[in-house]
Amino acid sequence: NKQISEVLEVSQSEVNNLINELIDDYDEIDRGIKISQSQDIY
């Protein structure tokens, strides 16, 4: 989350929102991939 935040120059909470939106996108659309998380690594 921190790396994404630094690259995008946005807050970590904004990164959480972006990740959650992507997770929802992958769940709603019949897609072959998903986002997994282990500790703070996506």
Full PDB file with SEQRES, HELIX, SHEET, SSBOND, CRYST1, ORIGX, SCALE, CONECT and MASTER records, all heavy atoms in Angstrom:
SEQRES   1 A   42  ASN LYS GLN ILE SER GLU VAL LEU GLU VAL SER GLN SER          
SEQRES   2 A   42  GLU VAL ASN ASN LEU ILE ASN GLU LEU ILE ASP ASP TYR          
SEQRES   3 A   42  ASP GLU ILE ASP ARG GLY ILE LYS ILE SER GLN SER GLN          
SEQRES   4 A   42  ASP ILE TYR                                                  
HELIX    1 AA1 LYS A    2  LEU A    8  1                                   7    
HELIX    2 AA2 GLN A   12  GLU A   28  1                                  17    
CRYST1    1.000    1.000    1.000  90.00  90.00  90.00 P 1           1          
ORIGX1      1.000000  0.000000  0.000000        0.00000                         
ORIGX2      0.000000  1.000000  0.000000        0.00000                         
ORIGX3      0.000000  0.000000  1.000000        0.00000                         
SCALE1      1.000000  0.000000  0.000000        0.00000                         
SCALE2      0.000000  1.000000  0.000000        0.00000                         
SCALE3      0.000000  0.000000  1.000000        0.00000                         
ATOM      1  N   ASN A   1       0.841  -1.186   0.000  1.00  0.00           N  
ATOM      2  CA  ASN A   1       0.000   0.000   0.000  1.00  0.00           C  
ATOM      3  C   ASN A   1       0.885   1.247   0.000  1.00  0.00           C  
ATOM      4  O   ASN A   1       0.648   2.185  -0.752  1.00  0.00           O  
ATOM      5  CB  ASN A   1      -0.905  -0.045   1.240  1.00  0.00           C  
ATOM      6  CG  ASN A   1      -1.858   1.110   1.311  1.00  0.00           C  
ATOM      7  OD1 ASN A   1      -1.470   2.261   1.223  1.00  0.00           O  
ATOM      8  ND2 ASN A   1      -3.136   0.801   1.491  1.00  0.00           N  
ATOM      9  N   LYS A   2       1.918   1.214   0.818  1.00  0.00           N  
ATOM     10  CA  LYS A   2       2.819   2.370   0.941  1.00  0.00           C  
ATOM     11  C   LYS A   2       3.541   2.645  -0.385  1.00  0.00           C  
ATOM     12  O   LYS A   2       3.671   3.801  -0.792  1.00  0.00           O  
ATOM     13  CB  LYS A   2       3.839   2.112   2.053  1.00  0.00           C  
ATOM     14  CG  LYS A   2       4.773   3.270   2.299  1.00  0.00           C  
ATOM     15  CD  LYS A   2       5.729   2.982   3.428  1.00  0.00           C  
ATOM     16  CE  LYS A   2       6.683   4.160   3.603  1.00  0.00           C  
ATOM     17  NZ  LYS A   2       7.715   3.902   4.571  1.00  0.00           N  
ATOM     18  N   GLN A   3       3.998   1.592  -1.065  1.00  0.00           N  
ATOM     19  CA  GLN A   3       4.682   1.781  -2.343  1.00  0.00           C  
ATOM     20  C   GLN A   3       3.739   2.396  -3.376  1.00  0.00           C  
ATOM     21  O   GLN A   3       4.125   3.313  -4.107  1.00  0.00           O  
ATOM     22  CB  GLN A   3       5.222   0.449  -2.868  1.00  0.00           C  
ATOM     23  CG  GLN A   3       6.390  -0.087  -2.069  1.00  0.00           C  
ATOM     24  CD  GLN A   3       6.735  -1.513  -2.503  1.00  0.00           C  
ATOM     25  OE1 GLN A   3       5.879  -2.391  -2.491  1.00  0.00           O  
ATOM     26  NE2 GLN A   3       7.980  -1.715  -2.896  1.00  0.00           N  
ATOM     27  N   ILE A   4       2.521   1.885  -3.436  1.00  0.00           N  
ATOM     28  CA  ILE A   4       1.546   2.430  -4.384  1.00  0.00           C  
ATOM     29  C   ILE A   4       1.279   3.893  -4.052  1.00  0.00           C  
ATOM     30  O   ILE A   4       1.239   4.747  -4.941  1.00  0.00           O  
ATOM     31  CB  ILE A   4       0.233   1.614  -4.366  1.00  0.00           C  
ATOM     32  CG1 ILE A   4       0.481   0.177  -4.841  1.00  0.00           C  
ATOM     33  CG2 ILE A   4      -0.829   2.288  -5.244  1.00  0.00           C  
ATOM     34  CD1 ILE A   4      -0.699  -0.765  -4.632  1.00  0.00           C  
ATOM     35  N   SER A   5       1.122   4.175  -2.773  1.00  0.00           N  
ATOM     36  CA  SER A   5       0.869   5.537  -2.313  1.00  0.00           C  
ATOM     37  C   SER A   5       1.980   6.482  -2.755  1.00  0.00           C  
ATOM     38  O   SER A   5       1.724   7.585  -3.238  1.00  0.00           O  
ATOM     39  CB  SER A   5       0.727   5.545  -0.785  1.00  0.00           C  
ATOM     40  OG  SER A   5       0.697   6.850  -0.290  1.00  0.00           O  
ATOM     41  N   GLU A   6       3.228   6.036  -2.604  1.00  0.00           N  
ATOM     42  CA  GLU A   6       4.372   6.873  -2.981  1.00  0.00           C  
ATOM     43  C   GLU A   6       4.442   7.089  -4.489  1.00  0.00           C  
ATOM     44  O   GLU A   6       4.705   8.201  -4.955  1.00  0.00           O  
ATOM     45  CB  GLU A   6       5.676   6.250  -2.475  1.00  0.00           C  
ATOM     46  CG  GLU A   6       5.809   6.316  -0.971  1.00  0.00           C  
ATOM     47  CD  GLU A   6       6.978   5.492  -0.431  1.00  0.00           C  
ATOM     48  OE1 GLU A   6       7.691   4.822  -1.212  1.00  0.00           O  
ATOM     49  OE2 GLU A   6       7.173   5.520   0.807  1.00  0.00           O  
ATOM     50  N   VAL A   7       4.191   6.038  -5.261  1.00  0.00           N  
ATOM     51  CA  VAL A   7       4.260   6.152  -6.720  1.00  0.00           C  
ATOM     52  C   VAL A   7       3.156   7.069  -7.243  1.00  0.00           C  
ATOM     53  O   VAL A   7       3.396   7.922  -8.099  1.00  0.00           O  
ATOM     54  CB  VAL A   7       4.172   4.754  -7.383  1.00  0.00           C  
ATOM     55  CG1 VAL A   7       3.993   4.870  -8.885  1.00  0.00           C  
ATOM     56  CG2 VAL A   7       5.406   3.926  -7.066  1.00  0.00           C  
ATOM     57  N   LEU A   8       1.946   6.893  -6.731  1.00  0.00           N  
ATOM     58  CA  LEU A   8       0.806   7.682  -7.206  1.00  0.00           C  
ATOM     59  C   LEU A   8       0.733   9.060  -6.569  1.00  0.00           C  
ATOM     60  O   LEU A   8      -0.035   9.910  -7.022  1.00  0.00           O  
ATOM     61  CB  LEU A   8      -0.506   6.940  -6.939  1.00  0.00           C  
ATOM     62  CG  LEU A   8      -0.706   5.602  -7.647  1.00  0.00           C  
ATOM     63  CD1 LEU A   8      -2.049   5.004  -7.264  1.00  0.00           C  
ATOM     64  CD2 LEU A   8      -0.609   5.772  -9.150  1.00  0.00           C  
ATOM     65  N   GLU A   9       1.492   9.237  -5.503  1.00  0.00           N  
ATOM     66  CA  GLU A   9       1.476  10.492  -4.740  1.00  0.00           C  
ATOM     67  C   GLU A   9       0.075  10.798  -4.208  1.00  0.00           C  
ATOM     68  O   GLU A   9      -0.452  11.894  -4.364  1.00  0.00           O  
ATOM     69  CB  GLU A   9       2.021  11.649  -5.577  1.00  0.00           C  
ATOM     70  CG  GLU A   9       3.472  11.462  -5.972  1.00  0.00           C  
ATOM     71  CD  GLU A   9       4.022  12.568  -6.866  1.00  0.00           C  
ATOM     72  OE1 GLU A   9       3.226  13.276  -7.534  1.00  0.00           O  
ATOM     73  OE2 GLU A   9       5.254  12.720  -6.897  1.00  0.00           O  
ATOM     74  N   VAL A  10      -0.530   9.763  -3.602  1.00  0.00           N  
ATOM     75  CA  VAL A  10      -1.829   9.892  -2.944  1.00  0.00           C  
ATOM     76  C   VAL A  10      -1.718   9.247  -1.571  1.00  0.00           C  
ATOM     77  O   VAL A  10      -0.767   8.540  -1.280  1.00  0.00           O  
ATOM     78  CB  VAL A  10      -2.973   9.221  -3.752  1.00  0.00           C  
ATOM     79  CG1 VAL A  10      -3.135   9.881  -5.115  1.00  0.00           C  
ATOM     80  CG2 VAL A  10      -2.753   7.730  -3.901  1.00  0.00           C  
ATOM     81  N   SER A  11      -2.714   9.467  -0.734  1.00  0.00           N  
ATOM     82  CA  SER A  11      -2.694   8.894   0.616  1.00  0.00           C  
ATOM     83  C   SER A  11      -2.895   7.381   0.566  1.00  0.00           C  
ATOM     84  O   SER A  11      -3.443   6.838  -0.396  1.00  0.00           O  
ATOM     85  CB  SER A  11      -3.791   9.528   1.475  1.00  0.00           C  
ATOM     86  OG  SER A  11      -5.062   9.095   1.026  1.00  0.00           O  
ATOM     87  N   GLN A  12      -2.485   6.719   1.644  1.00  0.00           N  
ATOM     88  CA  GLN A  12      -2.676   5.273   1.735  1.00  0.00           C  
ATOM     89  C   GLN A  12      -4.153   4.921   1.817  1.00  0.00           C  
ATOM     90  O   GLN A  12      -4.568   3.862   1.341  1.00  0.00           O  
ATOM     91  CB  GLN A  12      -1.888   4.709   2.917  1.00  0.00           C  
ATOM     92  CG  GLN A  12      -0.392   4.730   2.657  1.00  0.00           C  
ATOM     93  CD  GLN A  12       0.407   4.034   3.738  1.00  0.00           C  
ATOM     94  OE1 GLN A  12      -0.076   3.110   4.382  1.00  0.00           O  
ATOM     95  NE2 GLN A  12       1.640   4.480   3.938  1.00  0.00           N  
ATOM     96  N   SER A  13      -4.970   5.799   2.388  1.00  0.00           N  
ATOM     97  CA  SER A  13      -6.413   5.526   2.428  1.00  0.00           C  
ATOM     98  C   SER A  13      -7.004   5.598   1.016  1.00  0.00           C  
ATOM     99  O   SER A  13      -7.911   4.830   0.680  1.00  0.00           O  
ATOM    100  CB  SER A  13      -7.139   6.475   3.384  1.00  0.00           C  
ATOM    101  OG  SER A  13      -7.047   7.801   2.934  1.00  0.00           O  
ATOM    102  N   GLU A  14      -6.485   6.502   0.198  1.00  0.00           N  
ATOM    103  CA  GLU A  14      -6.933   6.565  -1.202  1.00  0.00           C  
ATOM    104  C   GLU A  14      -6.526   5.290  -1.942  1.00  0.00           C  
ATOM    105  O   GLU A  14      -7.291   4.753  -2.747  1.00  0.00           O  
ATOM    106  CB  GLU A  14      -6.345   7.795  -1.902  1.00  0.00           C  
ATOM    107  CG  GLU A  14      -6.723   7.918  -3.367  1.00  0.00           C  
ATOM    108  CD  GLU A  14      -8.214   8.139  -3.621  1.00  0.00           C  
ATOM    109  OE1 GLU A  14      -8.946   8.544  -2.691  1.00  0.00           O  
ATOM    110  OE2 GLU A  14      -8.659   7.887  -4.751  1.00  0.00           O  
ATOM    111  N   VAL A  15      -5.337   4.763  -1.637  1.00  0.00           N  
ATOM    112  CA  VAL A  15      -4.888   3.499  -2.240  1.00  0.00           C  
ATOM    113  C   VAL A  15      -5.832   2.377  -1.816  1.00  0.00           C  
ATOM    114  O   VAL A  15      -6.232   1.554  -2.645  1.00  0.00           O  
ATOM    115  CB  VAL A  15      -3.424   3.172  -1.859  1.00  0.00           C  
ATOM    116  CG1 VAL A  15      -3.043   1.753  -2.290  1.00  0.00           C  
ATOM    117  CG2 VAL A  15      -2.467   4.192  -2.459  1.00  0.00           C  
ATOM    118  N   ASN A  16      -6.220   2.348  -0.537  1.00  0.00           N  
ATOM    119  CA  ASN A  16      -7.175   1.332  -0.067  1.00  0.00           C  
ATOM    120  C   ASN A  16      -8.466   1.396  -0.881  1.00  0.00           C  
ATOM    121  O   ASN A  16      -9.019   0.360  -1.268  1.00  0.00           O  
ATOM    122  CB  ASN A  16      -7.490   1.521   1.418  1.00  0.00           C  
ATOM    123  CG  ASN A  16      -6.387   1.038   2.317  1.00  0.00           C  
ATOM    124  OD1 ASN A  16      -5.581   0.199   1.931  1.00  0.00           O  
ATOM    125  ND2 ASN A  16      -6.332   1.581   3.522  1.00  0.00           N  
ATOM    126  N   ASN A  17      -8.959   2.626  -1.129  1.00  0.00           N  
ATOM    127  CA  ASN A  17     -10.184   2.795  -1.924  1.00  0.00           C  
ATOM    128  C   ASN A  17      -9.990   2.268  -3.344  1.00  0.00           C  
ATOM    129  O   ASN A  17     -10.866   1.586  -3.878  1.00  0.00           O  
ATOM    130  CB  ASN A  17     -10.608   4.266  -1.962  1.00  0.00           C  
ATOM    131  CG  ASN A  17     -11.082   4.771  -0.615  1.00  0.00           C  
ATOM    132  OD1 ASN A  17     -11.503   3.998   0.236  1.00  0.00           O  
ATOM    133  ND2 ASN A  17     -10.989   6.082  -0.419  1.00  0.00           N  
ATOM    134  N   LEU A  18      -8.842   2.578  -3.949  1.00  0.00           N  
ATOM    135  CA  LEU A  18      -8.566   2.113  -5.310  1.00  0.00           C  
ATOM    136  C   LEU A  18      -8.494   0.589  -5.368  1.00  0.00           C  
ATOM    137  O   LEU A  18      -9.063  -0.036  -6.266  1.00  0.00           O  
ATOM    138  CB  LEU A  18      -7.249   2.717  -5.820  1.00  0.00           C  
ATOM    139  CG  LEU A  18      -7.237   4.229  -6.044  1.00  0.00           C  
ATOM    140  CD1 LEU A  18      -5.810   4.736  -6.225  1.00  0.00           C  
ATOM    141  CD2 LEU A  18      -8.095   4.588  -7.243  1.00  0.00           C  
ATOM    142  N   ILE A  19      -7.800  -0.008  -4.392  1.00  0.00           N  
ATOM    143  CA  ILE A  19      -7.676  -1.474  -4.336  1.00  0.00           C  
ATOM    144  C   ILE A  19      -9.058  -2.109  -4.158  1.00  0.00           C  
ATOM    145  O   ILE A  19      -9.399  -3.082  -4.845  1.00  0.00           O  
ATOM    146  CB  ILE A  19      -6.730  -1.908  -3.190  1.00  0.00           C  
ATOM    147  CG1 ILE A  19      -5.301  -1.441  -3.443  1.00  0.00           C  
ATOM    148  CG2 ILE A  19      -6.799  -3.415  -2.959  1.00  0.00           C  
ATOM    149  CD1 ILE A  19      -4.542  -2.196  -4.499  1.00  0.00           C  
ATOM    150  N   ASN A  20      -9.866  -1.540  -3.254  1.00  0.00           N  
ATOM    151  CA  ASN A  20     -11.212  -2.085  -3.018  1.00  0.00           C  
ATOM    152  C   ASN A  20     -12.083  -1.987  -4.269  1.00  0.00           C  
ATOM    153  O   ASN A  20     -12.861  -2.899  -4.561  1.00  0.00           O  
ATOM    154  CB  ASN A  20     -11.878  -1.395  -1.828  1.00  0.00           C  
ATOM    155  CG  ASN A  20     -11.272  -1.832  -0.510  1.00  0.00           C  
ATOM    156  OD1 ASN A  20     -10.777  -2.949  -0.385  1.00  0.00           O  
ATOM    157  ND2 ASN A  20     -11.306  -0.943   0.468  1.00  0.00           N  
ATOM    158  N   GLU A  21     -11.952  -0.891  -5.019  1.00  0.00           N  
ATOM    159  CA  GLU A  21     -12.706  -0.754  -6.266  1.00  0.00           C  
ATOM    160  C   GLU A  21     -12.258  -1.813  -7.274  1.00  0.00           C  
ATOM    161  O   GLU A  21     -13.092  -2.404  -7.970  1.00  0.00           O  
ATOM    162  CB  GLU A  21     -12.530   0.642  -6.854  1.00  0.00           C  
ATOM    163  CG  GLU A  21     -13.307   1.708  -6.124  1.00  0.00           C  
ATOM    164  CD  GLU A  21     -13.168   3.083  -6.768  1.00  0.00           C  
ATOM    165  OE1 GLU A  21     -12.932   3.155  -8.003  1.00  0.00           O  
ATOM    166  OE2 GLU A  21     -13.296   4.081  -6.038  1.00  0.00           O  
ATOM    167  N   LEU A  22     -10.961  -2.051  -7.362  1.00  0.00           N  
ATOM    168  CA  LEU A  22     -10.462  -3.083  -8.273  1.00  0.00           C  
ATOM    169  C   LEU A  22     -10.956  -4.469  -7.854  1.00  0.00           C  
ATOM    170  O   LEU A  22     -11.351  -5.275  -8.709  1.00  0.00           O  
ATOM    171  CB  LEU A  22      -8.931  -3.054  -8.331  1.00  0.00           C  
ATOM    172  CG  LEU A  22      -8.314  -1.927  -9.161  1.00  0.00           C  
ATOM    173  CD1 LEU A  22      -6.810  -1.837  -8.914  1.00  0.00           C  
ATOM    174  CD2 LEU A  22      -8.606  -2.131 -10.647  1.00  0.00           C  
ATOM    175  N   ILE A  23     -10.949  -4.731  -6.553  1.00  0.00           N  
ATOM    176  CA  ILE A  23     -11.455  -6.016  -6.045  1.00  0.00           C  
ATOM    177  C   ILE A  23     -12.916  -6.183  -6.448  1.00  0.00           C  
ATOM    178  O   ILE A  23     -13.323  -7.249  -6.926  1.00  0.00           O  
ATOM    179  CB  ILE A  23     -11.268  -6.120  -4.512  1.00  0.00           C  
ATOM    180  CG1 ILE A  23      -9.779  -6.281  -4.178  1.00  0.00           C  
ATOM    181  CG2 ILE A  23     -12.082  -7.272  -3.940  1.00  0.00           C  
ATOM    182  CD1 ILE A  23      -9.449  -6.147  -2.698  1.00  0.00           C  
ATOM    183  N   ASP A  24     -13.709  -5.126  -6.274  1.00  0.00           N  
ATOM    184  CA  ASP A  24     -15.124  -5.170  -6.670  1.00  0.00           C  
ATOM    185  C   ASP A  24     -15.266  -5.395  -8.175  1.00  0.00           C  
ATOM    186  O   ASP A  24     -16.106  -6.176  -8.618  1.00  0.00           O  
ATOM    187  CB  ASP A  24     -15.846  -3.886  -6.268  1.00  0.00           C  
ATOM    188  CG  ASP A  24     -16.036  -3.750  -4.761  1.00  0.00           C  
ATOM    189  OD1 ASP A  24     -15.908  -4.782  -4.046  1.00  0.00           O  
ATOM    190  OD2 ASP A  24     -16.290  -2.622  -4.302  1.00  0.00           O  
ATOM    191  N   ASP A  25     -14.436  -4.708  -8.969  1.00  0.00           N  
ATOM    192  CA  ASP A  25     -14.475  -4.880 -10.427  1.00  0.00           C  
ATOM    193  C   ASP A  25     -14.223  -6.334 -10.800  1.00  0.00           C  
ATOM    194  O   ASP A  25     -14.933  -6.905 -11.627  1.00  0.00           O  
ATOM    195  CB  ASP A  25     -13.423  -4.001 -11.117  1.00  0.00           C  
ATOM    196  CG  ASP A  25     -13.753  -2.518 -11.076  1.00  0.00           C  
ATOM    197  OD1 ASP A  25     -14.887  -2.158 -10.680  1.00  0.00           O  
ATOM    198  OD2 ASP A  25     -12.857  -1.720 -11.422  1.00  0.00           O  
ATOM    199  N   TYR A  26     -13.209  -6.934 -10.198  1.00  0.00           N  
ATOM    200  CA  TYR A  26     -12.863  -8.326 -10.522  1.00  0.00           C  
ATOM    201  C   TYR A  26     -13.946  -9.292 -10.057  1.00  0.00           C  
ATOM    202  O   TYR A  26     -14.154 -10.325 -10.679  1.00  0.00           O  
ATOM    203  CB  TYR A  26     -11.517  -8.717  -9.911  1.00  0.00           C  
ATOM    204  CG  TYR A  26     -10.341  -7.989 -10.515  1.00  0.00           C  
ATOM    205  CD1 TYR A  26      -9.308  -7.522  -9.724  1.00  0.00           C  
ATOM    206  CD2 TYR A  26     -10.244  -7.764 -11.886  1.00  0.00           C  
ATOM    207  CE1 TYR A  26      -8.223  -6.861 -10.264  1.00  0.00           C  
ATOM    208  CE2 TYR A  26      -9.167  -7.097 -12.439  1.00  0.00           C  
ATOM    209  CZ  TYR A  26      -8.161  -6.645 -11.626  1.00  0.00           C  
ATOM    210  OH  TYR A  26      -7.097  -5.986 -12.171  1.00  0.00           O  
ATOM    211  N   ASP A  27     -14.646  -8.953  -8.977  1.00  0.00           N  
ATOM    212  CA  ASP A  27     -15.718  -9.817  -8.480  1.00  0.00           C  
ATOM    213  C   ASP A  27     -16.989  -9.685  -9.320  1.00  0.00           C  
ATOM    214  O   ASP A  27     -17.679 -10.666  -9.565  1.00  0.00           O  
ATOM    215  CB  ASP A  27     -16.048  -9.497  -7.025  1.00  0.00           C  
ATOM    216  CG  ASP A  27     -14.985 -10.018  -6.061  1.00  0.00           C  
ATOM    217  OD1 ASP A  27     -14.187 -10.882  -6.464  1.00  0.00           O  
ATOM    218  OD2 ASP A  27     -14.953  -9.550  -4.911  1.00  0.00           O  
ATOM    219  N   GLU A  28     -17.306  -8.453  -9.745  1.00  0.00           N  
ATOM    220  CA  GLU A  28     -18.540  -8.210 -10.480  1.00  0.00           C  
ATOM    221  C   GLU A  28     -18.461  -8.698 -11.917  1.00  0.00           C  
ATOM    222  O   GLU A  28     -19.434  -9.170 -12.464  1.00  0.00           O  
ATOM    223  CB  GLU A  28     -18.875  -6.712 -10.472  1.00  0.00           C  
ATOM    224  CG  GLU A  28     -19.346  -6.222  -9.121  1.00  0.00           C  
ATOM    225  CD  GLU A  28     -19.635  -4.737  -9.127  1.00  0.00           C  
ATOM    226  OE1 GLU A  28     -19.856  -4.157 -10.201  1.00  0.00           O  
ATOM    227  OE2 GLU A  28     -19.630  -4.145  -8.040  1.00  0.00           O  
ATOM    228  N   ILE A  29     -17.333  -8.570 -12.524  1.00  0.00           N  
ATOM    229  CA  ILE A  29     -17.156  -8.963 -13.915  1.00  0.00           C  
ATOM    230  C   ILE A  29     -16.557 -10.358 -13.919  1.00  0.00           C  
ATOM    231  O   ILE A  29     -15.722 -10.699 -13.099  1.00  0.00           O  
ATOM    232  CB  ILE A  29     -16.211  -7.974 -14.636  1.00  0.00           C  
ATOM    233  CG1 ILE A  29     -16.764  -6.548 -14.535  1.00  0.00           C  
ATOM    234  CG2 ILE A  29     -16.011  -8.371 -16.086  1.00  0.00           C  
ATOM    235  CD1 ILE A  29     -15.783  -5.495 -14.997  1.00  0.00           C  
ATOM    236  N   ASP A  30     -16.978 -11.178 -14.855  1.00  0.00           N  
ATOM    237  CA  ASP A  30     -16.441 -12.529 -14.954  1.00  0.00           C  
ATOM    238  C   ASP A  30     -14.996 -12.439 -15.438  1.00  0.00           C  
ATOM    239  O   ASP A  30     -14.723 -12.407 -16.639  1.00  0.00           O  
ATOM    240  CB  ASP A  30     -17.303 -13.353 -15.917  1.00  0.00           C  
ATOM    241  CG  ASP A  30     -16.978 -14.829 -15.829  1.00  0.00           C  
ATOM    242  OD1 ASP A  30     -16.348 -15.248 -14.838  1.00  0.00           O  
ATOM    243  OD2 ASP A  30     -17.351 -15.561 -16.753  1.00  0.00           O  
ATOM    244  N   ARG A  31     -14.079 -12.344 -14.501  1.00  0.00           N  
ATOM    245  CA  ARG A  31     -12.659 -12.171 -14.800  1.00  0.00           C  
ATOM    246  C   ARG A  31     -11.878 -13.371 -14.300  1.00  0.00           C  
ATOM    247  O   ARG A  31     -12.309 -14.094 -13.421  1.00  0.00           O  
ATOM    248  CB  ARG A  31     -12.124 -10.916 -14.091  1.00  0.00           C  
ATOM    249  CG  ARG A  31     -12.848  -9.625 -14.426  1.00  0.00           C  
ATOM    250  CD  ARG A  31     -12.500  -9.047 -15.778  1.00  0.00           C  
ATOM    251  NE  ARG A  31     -11.130  -8.653 -15.914  1.00  0.00           N  
ATOM    252  CZ  ARG A  31     -10.659  -7.430 -15.678  1.00  0.00           C  
ATOM    253  NH1 ARG A  31     -11.474  -6.482 -15.286  1.00  0.00           N  
ATOM    254  NH2 ARG A  31      -9.389  -7.169 -15.833  1.00  0.00           N  
ATOM    255  N   GLY A  32     -10.691 -13.578 -14.852  1.00  0.00           N  
ATOM    256  CA  GLY A  32      -9.845 -14.699 -14.471  1.00  0.00           C  
ATOM    257  C   GLY A  32      -8.848 -14.365 -13.387  1.00  0.00           C  
ATOM    258  O   GLY A  32      -8.113 -15.238 -12.931  1.00  0.00           O  
ATOM    259  N   ILE A  33      -8.789 -13.101 -12.985  1.00  0.00           N  
ATOM    260  CA  ILE A  33      -7.828 -12.699 -11.957  1.00  0.00           C  
ATOM    261  C   ILE A  33      -8.541 -12.041 -10.790  1.00  0.00           C  
ATOM    262  O   ILE A  33      -9.694 -11.635 -10.890  1.00  0.00           O  
ATOM    263  CB  ILE A  33      -6.748 -11.748 -12.515  1.00  0.00           C  
ATOM    264  CG1 ILE A  33      -7.378 -10.487 -13.144  1.00  0.00           C  
ATOM    265  CG2 ILE A  33      -5.859 -12.458 -13.520  1.00  0.00           C  
ATOM    266  CD1 ILE A  33      -6.378  -9.459 -13.602  1.00  0.00           C  
ATOM    267  N   LYS A  34      -7.800 -11.961  -9.695  1.00  0.00           N  
ATOM    268  CA  LYS A  34      -8.302 -11.285  -8.506  1.00  0.00           C  
ATOM    269  C   LYS A  34      -7.103 -10.675  -7.789  1.00  0.00           C  
ATOM    270  O   LYS A  34      -5.951 -10.950  -8.129  1.00  0.00           O  
ATOM    271  CB  LYS A  34      -9.034 -12.269  -7.584  1.00  0.00           C  
ATOM    272  CG  LYS A  34      -8.119 -13.329  -6.991  1.00  0.00           C  
ATOM    273  CD  LYS A  34      -8.889 -14.258  -6.074  1.00  0.00           C  
ATOM    274  CE  LYS A  34      -7.926 -15.256  -5.441  1.00  0.00           C  
ATOM    275  NZ  LYS A  34      -8.567 -16.078  -4.443  1.00  0.00           N  
ATOM    276  N   ILE A  35      -7.374  -9.864  -6.800  1.00  0.00           N  
ATOM    277  CA  ILE A  35      -6.315  -9.286  -5.979  1.00  0.00           C  
ATOM    278  C   ILE A  35      -6.265 -10.058  -4.672  1.00  0.00           C  
ATOM    279  O   ILE A  35      -7.277 -10.239  -4.008  1.00  0.00           O  
ATOM    280  CB  ILE A  35      -6.564  -7.785  -5.706  1.00  0.00           C  
ATOM    281  CG1 ILE A  35      -6.522  -7.006  -7.029  1.00  0.00           C  
ATOM    282  CG2 ILE A  35      -5.528  -7.240  -4.727  1.00  0.00           C  
ATOM    283  CD1 ILE A  35      -6.870  -5.539  -6.891  1.00  0.00           C  
ATOM    284  N   SER A  36      -5.075 -10.519  -4.335  1.00  0.00           N  
ATOM    285  CA  SER A  36      -4.863 -11.196  -3.053  1.00  0.00           C  
ATOM    286  C   SER A  36      -3.974 -10.312  -2.201  1.00  0.00           C  
ATOM    287  O   SER A  36      -3.189  -9.516  -2.719  1.00  0.00           O  
ATOM    288  CB  SER A  36      -4.184 -12.556  -3.267  1.00  0.00           C  
ATOM    289  OG  SER A  36      -5.038 -13.415  -3.976  1.00  0.00           O  
ATOM    290  N   GLN A  37      -4.094 -10.487  -0.895  1.00  0.00           N  
ATOM    291  CA  GLN A  37      -3.299  -9.698   0.029  1.00  0.00           C  
ATOM    292  C   GLN A  37      -2.676 -10.613   1.069  1.00  0.00           C  
ATOM    293  O   GLN A  37      -3.330 -11.504   1.607  1.00  0.00           O  
ATOM    294  CB  GLN A  37      -4.160  -8.645   0.729  1.00  0.00           C  
ATOM    295  CG  GLN A  37      -3.379  -7.783   1.693  1.00  0.00           C  
ATOM    296  CD  GLN A  37      -4.270  -6.793   2.433  1.00  0.00           C  
ATOM    297  OE1 GLN A  37      -5.486  -6.826   2.324  1.00  0.00           O  
ATOM    298  NE2 GLN A  37      -3.661  -5.920   3.205  1.00  0.00           N  
ATOM    299  N   SER A  38      -1.410 -10.391   1.323  1.00  0.00           N  
ATOM    300  CA  SER A  38      -0.705 -11.089   2.390  1.00  0.00           C  
ATOM    301  C   SER A  38       0.026 -10.019   3.176  1.00  0.00           C  
ATOM    302  O   SER A  38       0.905  -9.343   2.633  1.00  0.00           O  
ATOM    303  CB  SER A  38       0.284 -12.099   1.809  1.00  0.00           C  
ATOM    304  OG  SER A  38       1.034 -12.701   2.837  1.00  0.00           O  
ATOM    305  N   GLN A  39      -0.361  -9.837   4.418  1.00  0.00           N  
ATOM    306  CA  GLN A  39       0.107  -8.744   5.239  1.00  0.00           C  
ATOM    307  C   GLN A  39      -0.243  -7.457   4.523  1.00  0.00           C  
ATOM    308  O   GLN A  39      -1.388  -7.248   4.195  1.00  0.00           O  
ATOM    309  CB  GLN A  39       1.586  -8.890   5.560  1.00  0.00           C  
ATOM    310  CG  GLN A  39       1.869 -10.155   6.358  1.00  0.00           C  
ATOM    311  CD  GLN A  39       3.335 -10.467   6.509  1.00  0.00           C  
ATOM    312  OE1 GLN A  39       4.206  -9.756   6.040  1.00  0.00           O  
ATOM    313  NE2 GLN A  39       3.614 -11.571   7.181  1.00  0.00           N  
ATOM    314  N   ASP A  40       0.714  -6.589   4.218  1.00  0.00           N  
ATOM    315  CA  ASP A  40       0.394  -5.335   3.529  1.00  0.00           C  
ATOM    316  C   ASP A  40       0.819  -5.390   2.062  1.00  0.00           C  
ATOM    317  O   ASP A  40       0.964  -4.377   1.411  1.00  0.00           O  
ATOM    318  CB  ASP A  40       1.079  -4.154   4.241  1.00  0.00           C  
ATOM    319  CG  ASP A  40       0.670  -2.811   3.665  1.00  0.00           C  
ATOM    320  OD1 ASP A  40      -0.511  -2.644   3.310  1.00  0.00           O  
ATOM    321  OD2 ASP A  40       1.551  -1.938   3.523  1.00  0.00           O  
ATOM    322  N   ILE A  41       1.011  -6.596   1.512  1.00  0.00           N  
ATOM    323  CA  ILE A  41       1.452  -6.742   0.134  1.00  0.00           C  
ATOM    324  C   ILE A  41       0.283  -7.252  -0.707  1.00  0.00           C  
ATOM    325  O   ILE A  41      -0.390  -8.210  -0.344  1.00  0.00           O  
ATOM    326  CB  ILE A  41       2.645  -7.730   0.029  1.00  0.00           C  
ATOM    327  CG1 ILE A  41       3.799  -7.295   0.929  1.00  0.00           C  
ATOM    328  CG2 ILE A  41       3.104  -7.865  -1.417  1.00  0.00           C  
ATOM    329  CD1 ILE A  41       4.470  -5.998   0.546  1.00  0.00           C  
ATOM    330  N   TYR A  42       0.057  -6.586  -1.839  1.00  0.00           N  
ATOM    331  CA  TYR A  42      -1.016  -6.960  -2.757  1.00  0.00           C  
ATOM    332  C   TYR A  42      -0.428  -7.648  -3.988  1.00  0.00           C  
ATOM    333  O   TYR A  42       0.636  -7.274  -4.471  1.00  0.00           O  
ATOM    334  CB  TYR A  42      -1.796  -5.725  -3.206  1.00  0.00           C  
ATOM    335  CG  TYR A  42      -2.534  -5.039  -2.085  1.00  0.00           C  
ATOM    336  CD1 TYR A  42      -2.010  -3.914  -1.465  1.00  0.00           C  
ATOM    337  CD2 TYR A  42      -3.762  -5.522  -1.649  1.00  0.00           C  
ATOM    338  CE1 TYR A  42      -2.683  -3.290  -0.434  1.00  0.00           C  
ATOM    339  CE2 TYR A  42      -4.451  -4.895  -0.614  1.00  0.00           C  
ATOM    340  CZ  TYR A  42      -3.902  -3.778  -0.021  1.00  0.00           C  
ATOM    341  OH  TYR A  42      -4.579  -3.157   1.004  1.00  0.00           O  
TER     342      TYR A  42                                                      
MASTER        0    0    0    2    0    0    0    6  341    1    0    4          
END                                                                             
